[in-house]
Full PDB file with SEQRES, HELIX, SHEET, SSBOND, CRYST1, ORIGX, SCALE, CONECT and MASTER records, all heavy atoms in Angstrom:
SEQRES   1 A   32  ASN LEU PHE LEU ILE PRO ALA GLY ASP THR VAL LYS ASN          
SEQRES   2 A   32  THR LEU LEU GLN ALA PHE GLN TRP GLN GLY GLU LEU GLU          
SEQRES   3 A   32  MET ALA PHE PRO ASP PHE                                      
CRYST1    1.000    1.000    1.000  90.00  90.00  90.00 P 1           1          
ORIGX1      1.000000  0.000000  0.000000        0.00000                         
ORIGX2      0.000000  1.000000  0.000000        0.00000                         
ORIGX3      0.000000  0.000000  1.000000        0.00000                         
SCALE1      1.000000  0.000000  0.000000        0.00000                         
SCALE2      0.000000  1.000000  0.000000        0.00000                         
SCALE3      0.000000  0.000000  1.000000        0.00000                         
ATOM      1  N   ASN A   1      -9.706  -3.158-136.307  1.00  0.00           N  
ATOM      2  CA  ASN A   1     -10.262  -2.171-135.391  1.00  0.00           C  
ATOM      3  C   ASN A   1     -11.086  -2.818-134.291  1.00  0.00           C  
ATOM      4  O   ASN A   1     -11.701  -3.887-134.491  1.00  0.00           O  
ATOM      5  CB  ASN A   1     -11.141  -1.166-136.144  1.00  0.00           C  
ATOM      6  CG  ASN A   1     -10.336  -0.264-137.048  1.00  0.00           C  
ATOM      7  OD1 ASN A   1      -9.551   0.550-136.581  1.00  0.00           O  
ATOM      8  ND2 ASN A   1     -10.506  -0.411-138.354  1.00  0.00           N  
ATOM      9  N   LEU A   2     -11.116  -2.159-133.122  1.00  0.00           N  
ATOM     10  CA  LEU A   2     -11.972  -2.562-132.010  1.00  0.00           C  
ATOM     11  C   LEU A   2     -13.122  -1.580-131.904  1.00  0.00           C  
ATOM     12  O   LEU A   2     -12.934  -0.362-131.982  1.00  0.00           O  
ATOM     13  CB  LEU A   2     -11.196  -2.572-130.688  1.00  0.00           C  
ATOM     14  CG  LEU A   2      -9.995  -3.502-130.577  1.00  0.00           C  
ATOM     15  CD1 LEU A   2      -9.439  -3.431-129.154  1.00  0.00           C  
ATOM     16  CD2 LEU A   2     -10.364  -4.928-130.942  1.00  0.00           C  
ATOM     17  N   PHE A   3     -14.325  -2.112-131.668  1.00  0.00           N  
ATOM     18  CA  PHE A   3     -15.533  -1.310-131.538  1.00  0.00           C  
ATOM     19  C   PHE A   3     -16.153  -1.570-130.164  1.00  0.00           C  
ATOM     20  O   PHE A   3     -16.152  -2.708-129.681  1.00  0.00           O  
ATOM     21  CB  PHE A   3     -16.561  -1.677-132.611  1.00  0.00           C  
ATOM     22  CG  PHE A   3     -16.098  -1.442-134.027  1.00  0.00           C  
ATOM     23  CD1 PHE A   3     -15.232  -2.326-134.653  1.00  0.00           C  
ATOM     24  CD2 PHE A   3     -16.543  -0.343-134.737  1.00  0.00           C  
ATOM     25  CE1 PHE A   3     -14.813  -2.122-135.959  1.00  0.00           C  
ATOM     26  CE2 PHE A   3     -16.138  -0.130-136.045  1.00  0.00           C  
ATOM     27  CZ  PHE A   3     -15.266  -1.023-136.656  1.00  0.00           C  
ATOM     28  N   LEU A   4     -16.711  -0.527-129.549  1.00  0.00           N  
ATOM     29  CA  LEU A   4     -17.459  -0.658-128.300  1.00  0.00           C  
ATOM     30  C   LEU A   4     -18.899  -0.293-128.620  1.00  0.00           C  
ATOM     31  O   LEU A   4     -19.214   0.857-128.938  1.00  0.00           O  
ATOM     32  CB  LEU A   4     -16.895   0.274-127.225  1.00  0.00           C  
ATOM     33  CG  LEU A   4     -17.575   0.244-125.859  1.00  0.00           C  
ATOM     34  CD1 LEU A   4     -17.467  -1.137-125.231  1.00  0.00           C  
ATOM     35  CD2 LEU A   4     -16.971   1.296-124.930  1.00  0.00           C  
ATOM     36  N   ILE A   5     -19.795  -1.293-128.533  1.00  0.00           N  
ATOM     37  CA  ILE A   5     -21.182  -1.091-128.963  1.00  0.00           C  
ATOM     38  C   ILE A   5     -22.137  -1.621-127.899  1.00  0.00           C  
ATOM     39  O   ILE A   5     -21.759  -2.410-127.035  1.00  0.00           O  
ATOM     40  CB  ILE A   5     -21.445  -1.829-130.299  1.00  0.00           C  
ATOM     41  CG1 ILE A   5     -21.249  -3.341-130.119  1.00  0.00           C  
ATOM     42  CG2 ILE A   5     -20.549  -1.286-131.400  1.00  0.00           C  
ATOM     43  CD1 ILE A   5     -21.636  -4.162-131.334  1.00  0.00           C  
ATOM     44  N   PRO A   6     -23.417  -1.189-127.942  1.00  0.00           N  
ATOM     45  CA  PRO A   6     -24.406  -1.755-127.021  1.00  0.00           C  
ATOM     46  C   PRO A   6     -24.560  -3.251-127.249  1.00  0.00           C  
ATOM     47  O   PRO A   6     -24.461  -3.733-128.381  1.00  0.00           O  
ATOM     48  CB  PRO A   6     -25.699  -1.004-127.386  1.00  0.00           C  
ATOM     49  CG  PRO A   6     -25.245   0.243-128.061  1.00  0.00           C  
ATOM     50  CD  PRO A   6     -23.983  -0.118-128.790  1.00  0.00           C  
ATOM     51  N   ALA A   7     -24.785  -3.989-126.182  1.00  0.00           N  
ATOM     52  CA  ALA A   7     -24.939  -5.446-126.297  1.00  0.00           C  
ATOM     53  C   ALA A   7     -26.252  -5.775-126.980  1.00  0.00           C  
ATOM     54  O   ALA A   7     -27.295  -5.196-126.668  1.00  0.00           O  
ATOM     55  CB  ALA A   7     -24.889  -6.093-124.919  1.00  0.00           C  
ATOM     56  N   GLY A   8     -26.196  -6.715-127.904  1.00  0.00           N  
ATOM     57  CA  GLY A   8     -27.403  -7.180-128.572  1.00  0.00           C  
ATOM     58  C   GLY A   8     -27.938  -6.154-129.562  1.00  0.00           C  
ATOM     59  O   GLY A   8     -27.389  -5.069-129.738  1.00  0.00           O  
ATOM     60  N   ASP A   9     -29.029  -6.485-130.217  1.00  0.00           N  
ATOM     61  CA  ASP A   9     -29.680  -5.602-131.177  1.00  0.00           C  
ATOM     62  C   ASP A   9     -30.757  -4.818-130.455  1.00  0.00           C  
ATOM     63  O   ASP A   9     -31.738  -5.390-129.967  1.00  0.00           O  
ATOM     64  CB  ASP A   9     -30.288  -6.424-132.315  1.00  0.00           C  
ATOM     65  CG  ASP A   9     -30.682  -5.547-133.504  1.00  0.00           C  
ATOM     66  OD1 ASP A   9     -30.731  -4.315-133.317  1.00  0.00           O  
ATOM     67  OD2 ASP A   9     -30.937  -6.091-134.585  1.00  0.00           O  
ATOM     68  N   THR A  10     -30.581  -3.498-130.350  1.00  0.00           N  
ATOM     69  CA  THR A  10     -31.544  -2.673-129.621  1.00  0.00           C  
ATOM     70  C   THR A  10     -32.766  -2.312-130.453  1.00  0.00           C  
ATOM     71  O   THR A  10     -33.685  -1.673-129.956  1.00  0.00           O  
ATOM     72  CB  THR A  10     -30.865  -1.363-129.162  1.00  0.00           C  
ATOM     73  OG1 THR A  10     -30.357  -0.670-130.309  1.00  0.00           O  
ATOM     74  CG2 THR A  10     -29.714  -1.656-128.205  1.00  0.00           C  
ATOM     75  N   VAL A  11     -32.783  -2.702-131.727  1.00  0.00           N  
ATOM     76  CA  VAL A  11     -33.929  -2.422-132.586  1.00  0.00           C  
ATOM     77  C   VAL A  11     -34.897  -3.604-132.539  1.00  0.00           C  
ATOM     78  O   VAL A  11     -34.493  -4.755-132.438  1.00  0.00           O  
ATOM     79  CB  VAL A  11     -33.456  -2.178-134.042  1.00  0.00           C  
ATOM     80  CG1 VAL A  11     -34.647  -1.889-134.944  1.00  0.00           C  
ATOM     81  CG2 VAL A  11     -32.468  -1.031-134.080  1.00  0.00           C  
ATOM     82  N   LYS A  12     -36.206  -3.322-132.614  1.00  0.00           N  
ATOM     83  CA  LYS A  12     -37.210  -4.378-132.570  1.00  0.00           C  
ATOM     84  C   LYS A  12     -36.998  -5.369-133.715  1.00  0.00           C  
ATOM     85  O   LYS A  12     -36.503  -5.017-134.788  1.00  0.00           O  
ATOM     86  CB  LYS A  12     -38.617  -3.789-132.657  1.00  0.00           C  
ATOM     87  CG  LYS A  12     -39.013  -2.975-131.439  1.00  0.00           C  
ATOM     88  CD  LYS A  12     -40.442  -2.471-131.579  1.00  0.00           C  
ATOM     89  CE  LYS A  12     -40.849  -1.647-130.360  1.00  0.00           C  
ATOM     90  NZ  LYS A  12     -42.232  -1.134-130.489  1.00  0.00           N  
ATOM     91  N   ASN A  13     -37.403  -6.585-133.480  1.00  0.00           N  
ATOM     92  CA  ASN A  13     -37.180  -7.652-134.457  1.00  0.00           C  
ATOM     93  C   ASN A  13     -38.284  -7.663-135.510  1.00  0.00           C  
ATOM     94  O   ASN A  13     -38.922  -8.675-135.763  1.00  0.00           O  
ATOM     95  CB  ASN A  13     -37.111  -9.002-133.734  1.00  0.00           C  
ATOM     96  CG  ASN A  13     -36.593 -10.093-134.648  1.00  0.00           C  
ATOM     97  OD1 ASN A  13     -35.834  -9.822-135.575  1.00  0.00           O  
ATOM     98  ND2 ASN A  13     -37.021 -11.323-134.400  1.00  0.00           N  
ATOM     99  N   THR A  14     -38.531  -6.515-136.127  1.00  0.00           N  
ATOM    100  CA  THR A  14     -39.512  -6.412-137.199  1.00  0.00           C  
ATOM    101  C   THR A  14     -38.827  -6.749-138.519  1.00  0.00           C  
ATOM    102  O   THR A  14     -37.828  -6.127-138.875  1.00  0.00           O  
ATOM    103  CB  THR A  14     -40.103  -4.993-137.260  1.00  0.00           C  
ATOM    104  OG1 THR A  14     -40.694  -4.694-136.001  1.00  0.00           O  
ATOM    105  CG2 THR A  14     -41.145  -4.884-138.346  1.00  0.00           C  
ATOM    106  N   LEU A  15     -39.362  -7.709-139.249  1.00  0.00           N  
ATOM    107  CA  LEU A  15     -38.710  -8.158-140.484  1.00  0.00           C  
ATOM    108  C   LEU A  15     -39.133  -7.348-141.693  1.00  0.00           C  
ATOM    109  O   LEU A  15     -38.355  -7.162-142.625  1.00  0.00           O  
ATOM    110  CB  LEU A  15     -39.017  -9.639-140.722  1.00  0.00           C  
ATOM    111  CG  LEU A  15     -38.491 -10.607-139.649  1.00  0.00           C  
ATOM    112  CD1 LEU A  15     -38.883 -12.036-140.010  1.00  0.00           C  
ATOM    113  CD2 LEU A  15     -36.977 -10.490-139.523  1.00  0.00           C  
ATOM    114  N   LEU A  16     -40.373  -6.833-141.690  1.00  0.00           N  
ATOM    115  CA  LEU A  16     -40.881  -6.162-142.895  1.00  0.00           C  
ATOM    116  C   LEU A  16     -42.024  -5.233-142.524  1.00  0.00           C  
ATOM    117  O   LEU A  16     -42.829  -5.540-141.637  1.00  0.00           O  
ATOM    118  CB  LEU A  16     -41.338  -7.198-143.917  1.00  0.00           C  
ATOM    119  CG  LEU A  16     -41.844  -6.703-145.270  1.00  0.00           C  
ATOM    120  CD1 LEU A  16     -41.483  -7.703-146.366  1.00  0.00           C  
ATOM    121  CD2 LEU A  16     -43.359  -6.504-145.253  1.00  0.00           C  
ATOM    122  N   GLN A  17     -42.097  -4.078-143.206  1.00  0.00           N  
ATOM    123  CA  GLN A  17     -43.197  -3.141-143.000  1.00  0.00           C  
ATOM    124  C   GLN A  17     -43.544  -2.494-144.328  1.00  0.00           C  
ATOM    125  O   GLN A  17     -42.694  -1.900-144.986  1.00  0.00           O  
ATOM    126  CB  GLN A  17     -42.813  -2.072-141.971  1.00  0.00           C  
ATOM    127  CG  GLN A  17     -43.932  -1.076-141.679  1.00  0.00           C  
ATOM    128  CD  GLN A  17     -43.523  -0.057-140.632  1.00  0.00           C  
ATOM    129  OE1 GLN A  17     -42.640  -0.313-139.821  1.00  0.00           O  
ATOM    130  NE2 GLN A  17     -44.164   1.101-140.646  1.00  0.00           N  
ATOM    131  N   ALA A  18     -44.809  -2.622-144.758  1.00  0.00           N  
ATOM    132  CA  ALA A  18     -45.266  -2.015-146.008  1.00  0.00           C  
ATOM    133  C   ALA A  18     -45.587  -0.535-145.785  1.00  0.00           C  
ATOM    134  O   ALA A  18     -46.030  -0.139-144.709  1.00  0.00           O  
ATOM    135  CB  ALA A  18     -46.496  -2.749-146.526  1.00  0.00           C  
ATOM    136  N   PHE A  19     -45.355   0.283-146.816  1.00  0.00           N  
ATOM    137  CA  PHE A  19     -45.697   1.698-146.718  1.00  0.00           C  
ATOM    138  C   PHE A  19     -45.825   2.283-148.120  1.00  0.00           C  
ATOM    139  O   PHE A  19     -45.425   1.677-149.113  1.00  0.00           O  
ATOM    140  CB  PHE A  19     -44.648   2.458-145.909  1.00  0.00           C  
ATOM    141  CG  PHE A  19     -43.309   2.616-146.592  1.00  0.00           C  
ATOM    142  CD1 PHE A  19     -42.973   3.808-147.238  1.00  0.00           C  
ATOM    143  CD2 PHE A  19     -42.370   1.586-146.597  1.00  0.00           C  
ATOM    144  CE1 PHE A  19     -41.740   3.961-147.865  1.00  0.00           C  
ATOM    145  CE2 PHE A  19     -41.134   1.745-147.206  1.00  0.00           C  
ATOM    146  CZ  PHE A  19     -40.817   2.934-147.852  1.00  0.00           C  
ATOM    147  N   GLN A  20     -46.404   3.472-148.208  1.00  0.00           N  
ATOM    148  CA  GLN A  20     -46.477   4.221-149.455  1.00  0.00           C  
ATOM    149  C   GLN A  20     -45.933   5.618-149.209  1.00  0.00           C  
ATOM    150  O   GLN A  20     -46.123   6.197-148.141  1.00  0.00           O  
ATOM    151  CB  GLN A  20     -47.918   4.289-149.982  1.00  0.00           C  
ATOM    152  CG  GLN A  20     -48.393   2.990-150.604  1.00  0.00           C  
ATOM    153  CD  GLN A  20     -49.658   3.182-151.411  1.00  0.00           C  
ATOM    154  OE1 GLN A  20     -50.592   3.831-150.950  1.00  0.00           O  
ATOM    155  NE2 GLN A  20     -49.704   2.613-152.603  1.00  0.00           N  
ATOM    156  N   TRP A  21     -45.263   6.135-150.239  1.00  0.00           N  
ATOM    157  CA  TRP A  21     -44.689   7.475-150.123  1.00  0.00           C  
ATOM    158  C   TRP A  21     -45.581   8.467-150.857  1.00  0.00           C  
ATOM    159  O   TRP A  21     -45.947   8.261-152.016  1.00  0.00           O  
ATOM    160  CB  TRP A  21     -43.283   7.470-150.730  1.00  0.00           C  
ATOM    161  CG  TRP A  21     -42.612   8.818-150.633  1.00  0.00           C  
ATOM    162  CD1 TRP A  21     -42.308   9.486-149.491  1.00  0.00           C  
ATOM    163  CD2 TRP A  21     -42.169   9.635-151.719  1.00  0.00           C  
ATOM    164  NE1 TRP A  21     -41.700  10.685-149.783  1.00  0.00           N  
ATOM    165  CE2 TRP A  21     -41.591  10.803-151.156  1.00  0.00           C  
ATOM    166  CE3 TRP A  21     -42.189   9.511-153.121  1.00  0.00           C  
ATOM    167  CZ2 TRP A  21     -41.054  11.831-151.937  1.00  0.00           C  
ATOM    168  CZ3 TRP A  21     -41.645  10.527-153.884  1.00  0.00           C  
ATOM    169  CH2 TRP A  21     -41.086  11.668-153.300  1.00  0.00           C  
ATOM    170  N   GLN A  22     -45.926   9.557-150.145  1.00  0.00           N  
ATOM    171  CA  GLN A  22     -46.813  10.567-150.704  1.00  0.00           C  
ATOM    172  C   GLN A  22     -46.120  11.925-150.824  1.00  0.00           C  
ATOM    173  O   GLN A  22     -46.773  12.964-150.775  1.00  0.00           O  
ATOM    174  CB  GLN A  22     -48.058  10.707-149.813  1.00  0.00           C  
ATOM    175  CG  GLN A  22     -48.875   9.442-149.674  1.00  0.00           C  
ATOM    176  CD  GLN A  22     -49.430   8.971-151.012  1.00  0.00           C  
ATOM    177  OE1 GLN A  22     -49.784   9.783-151.870  1.00  0.00           O  
ATOM    178  NE2 GLN A  22     -49.500   7.653-151.200  1.00  0.00           N  
ATOM    179  N   GLY A  23     -44.813  11.906-150.951  1.00  0.00           N  
ATOM    180  CA  GLY A  23     -44.084  13.154-151.138  1.00  0.00           C  
ATOM    181  C   GLY A  23     -43.473  13.728-149.874  1.00  0.00           C  
ATOM    182  O   GLY A  23     -42.924  14.841-149.891  1.00  0.00           O  
ATOM    183  N   GLU A  24     -43.547  12.983-148.765  1.00  0.00           N  
ATOM    184  CA  GLU A  24     -42.953  13.473-147.518  1.00  0.00           C  
ATOM    185  C   GLU A  24     -41.434  13.604-147.667  1.00  0.00           C  
ATOM    186  O   GLU A  24     -40.812  12.878-148.430  1.00  0.00           O  
ATOM    187  CB  GLU A  24     -43.249  12.521-146.362  1.00  0.00           C  
ATOM    188  CG  GLU A  24     -44.725  12.311-146.070  1.00  0.00           C  
ATOM    189  CD  GLU A  24     -45.280  11.086-146.789  1.00  0.00           C  
ATOM    190  OE1 GLU A  24     -44.751  10.738-147.874  1.00  0.00           O  
ATOM    191  OE2 GLU A  24     -46.230  10.479-146.262  1.00  0.00           O  
ATOM    192  N   LEU A  25     -40.869  14.539-146.904  1.00  0.00           N  
ATOM    193  CA  LEU A  25     -39.412  14.702-146.902  1.00  0.00           C  
ATOM    194  C   LEU A  25     -38.738  13.638-146.051  1.00  0.00           C  
ATOM    195  O   LEU A  25     -37.558  13.323-146.263  1.00  0.00           O  
ATOM    196  CB  LEU A  25     -39.031  16.098-146.394  1.00  0.00           C  
ATOM    197  CG  LEU A  25     -39.441  17.267-147.297  1.00  0.00           C  
ATOM    198  CD1 LEU A  25     -39.032  18.592-146.664  1.00  0.00           C  
ATOM    199  CD2 LEU A  25     -38.814  17.123-148.687  1.00  0.00           C  
ATOM    200  N   GLU A  26     -39.486  13.098-145.080  1.00  0.00           N  
ATOM    201  CA  GLU A  26     -38.918  12.040-144.256  1.00  0.00           C  
ATOM    202  C   GLU A  26     -40.033  11.193-143.664  1.00  0.00           C  
ATOM    203  O   GLU A  26     -41.169  11.661-143.472  1.00  0.00           O  
ATOM    204  CB  GLU A  26     -38.050  12.616-143.126  1.00  0.00           C  
ATOM    205  CG  GLU A  26     -38.788  13.540-142.173  1.00  0.00           C  
ATOM    206  CD  GLU A  26     -37.868  14.144-141.138  1.00  0.00           C  
ATOM    207  OE1 GLU A  26     -36.821  14.706-141.516  1.00  0.00           O  
ATOM    208  OE2 GLU A  26     -38.206  14.044-139.937  1.00  0.00           O  
ATOM    209  N   MET A  27     -39.713   9.932-143.380  1.00  0.00           N  
ATOM    210  CA  MET A  27     -40.665   9.013-142.762  1.00  0.00           C  
ATOM    211  C   MET A  27     -39.929   8.227-141.672  1.00  0.00           C  
ATOM    212  O   MET A  27     -38.868   7.658-141.932  1.00  0.00           O  
ATOM    213  CB  MET A  27     -41.258   8.044-143.798  1.00  0.00           C  
ATOM    214  CG  MET A  27     -42.067   8.734-144.882  1.00  0.00           C  
ATOM    215  SD  MET A  27     -42.762   7.555-146.089  1.00  0.00           S  
ATOM    216  CE  MET A  27     -43.992   6.725-145.069  1.00  0.00           C  
ATOM    217  N   ALA A  28     -40.494   8.233-140.476  1.00  0.00           N  
ATOM    218  CA  ALA A  28     -39.872   7.541-139.351  1.00  0.00           C  
ATOM    219  C   ALA A  28     -40.318   6.085-139.315  1.00  0.00           C  
ATOM    220  O   ALA A  28     -41.499   5.781-139.537  1.00  0.00           O  
ATOM    221  CB  ALA A  28     -40.223   8.229-138.036  1.00  0.00           C  
ATOM    222  N   PHE A  29     -39.374   5.205-139.024  1.00  0.00           N  
ATOM    223  CA  PHE A  29     -39.656   3.776-138.872  1.00  0.00           C  
ATOM    224  C   PHE A  29     -39.041   3.320-137.546  1.00  0.00           C  
ATOM    225  O   PHE A  29     -37.914   2.788-137.512  1.00  0.00           O  
ATOM    226  CB  PHE A  29     -39.079   2.983-140.047  1.00  0.00           C  
ATOM    227  CG  PHE A  29     -39.746   3.286-141.363  1.00  0.00           C  
ATOM    228  CD1 PHE A  29     -39.242   4.274-142.199  1.00  0.00           C  
ATOM    229  CD2 PHE A  29     -40.889   2.608-141.744  1.00  0.00           C  
ATOM    230  CE1 PHE A  29     -39.856   4.567-143.404  1.00  0.00           C  
ATOM    231  CE2 PHE A  29     -41.516   2.883-142.953  1.00  0.00           C  
ATOM    232  CZ  PHE A  29     -41.000   3.878-143.790  1.00  0.00           C  
ATOM    233  N   PRO A  30     -39.759   3.552-136.434  1.00  0.00           N  
ATOM    234  CA  PRO A  30     -39.214   3.244-135.099  1.00  0.00           C  
ATOM    235  C   PRO A  30     -38.783   1.794-134.932  1.00  0.00           C  
ATOM    236  O   PRO A  30     -37.794   1.519-134.260  1.00  0.00           O  
ATOM    237  CB  PRO A  30     -40.374   3.602-134.155  1.00  0.00           C  
ATOM    238  CG  PRO A  30     -41.217   4.577-134.923  1.00  0.00           C  
ATOM    239  CD  PRO A  30     -41.105   4.155-136.350  1.00  0.00           C  
ATOM    240  N   ASP A  31     -39.549   0.858-135.546  1.00  0.00           N  
ATOM    241  CA  ASP A  31     -39.194  -0.546-135.385  1.00  0.00           C  
ATOM    242  C   ASP A  31     -37.866  -0.896-136.035  1.00  0.00           C  
ATOM    243  O   ASP A  31     -37.249  -1.912-135.700  1.00  0.00           O  
ATOM    244  CB  ASP A  31     -40.296  -1.436-135.974  1.00  0.00           C  
ATOM    245  CG  ASP A  31     -41.545  -1.451-135.112  1.00  0.00           C  
ATOM    246  OD1 ASP A  31     -41.536  -0.795-134.051  1.00  0.00           O  
ATOM    247  OD2 ASP A  31     -42.536  -2.097-135.499  1.00  0.00           O  
ATOM    248  N   PHE A  32     -37.426  -0.047-136.960  1.00  0.00           N  
ATOM    249  CA  PHE A  32     -36.141  -0.280-137.625  1.00  0.00           C  
ATOM    250  C   PHE A  32     -35.060   0.660-137.101  1.00  0.00           C  
ATOM    251  O   PHE A  32     -33.925   0.616-137.554  1.00  0.00           O  
ATOM    252  CB  PHE A  32     -36.302  -0.119-139.138  1.00  0.00           C  
ATOM    253  CG  PHE A  32     -37.094  -1.224-139.766  1.00  0.00           C  
ATOM    254  CD1 PHE A  32     -38.482  -1.170-139.802  1.00  0.00           C  
ATOM    255  CD2 PHE A  32     -36.472  -2.342-140.297  1.00  0.00           C  
ATOM    256  CE1 PHE A  32     -39.225  -2.194-140.363  1.00  0.00           C  
ATOM    257  CE2 PHE A  32     -37.205  -3.371-140.858  1.00  0.00           C  
ATOM    258  CZ  PHE A  32     -38.587  -3.302-140.886  1.00  0.00           C  
TER     259      PHE A  32                                                      
MASTER        0    0    0    0    0    0    0    6  258    1    0    3          
END                                                                             
């Protein structure tokens, strides 16, 4: 298959982010 995608990685180069879950239905991680 051929794919047409944006050039390069458009997501920030964040390697790791710590967090805790408190029962939320969703959590946003913009850097990822």
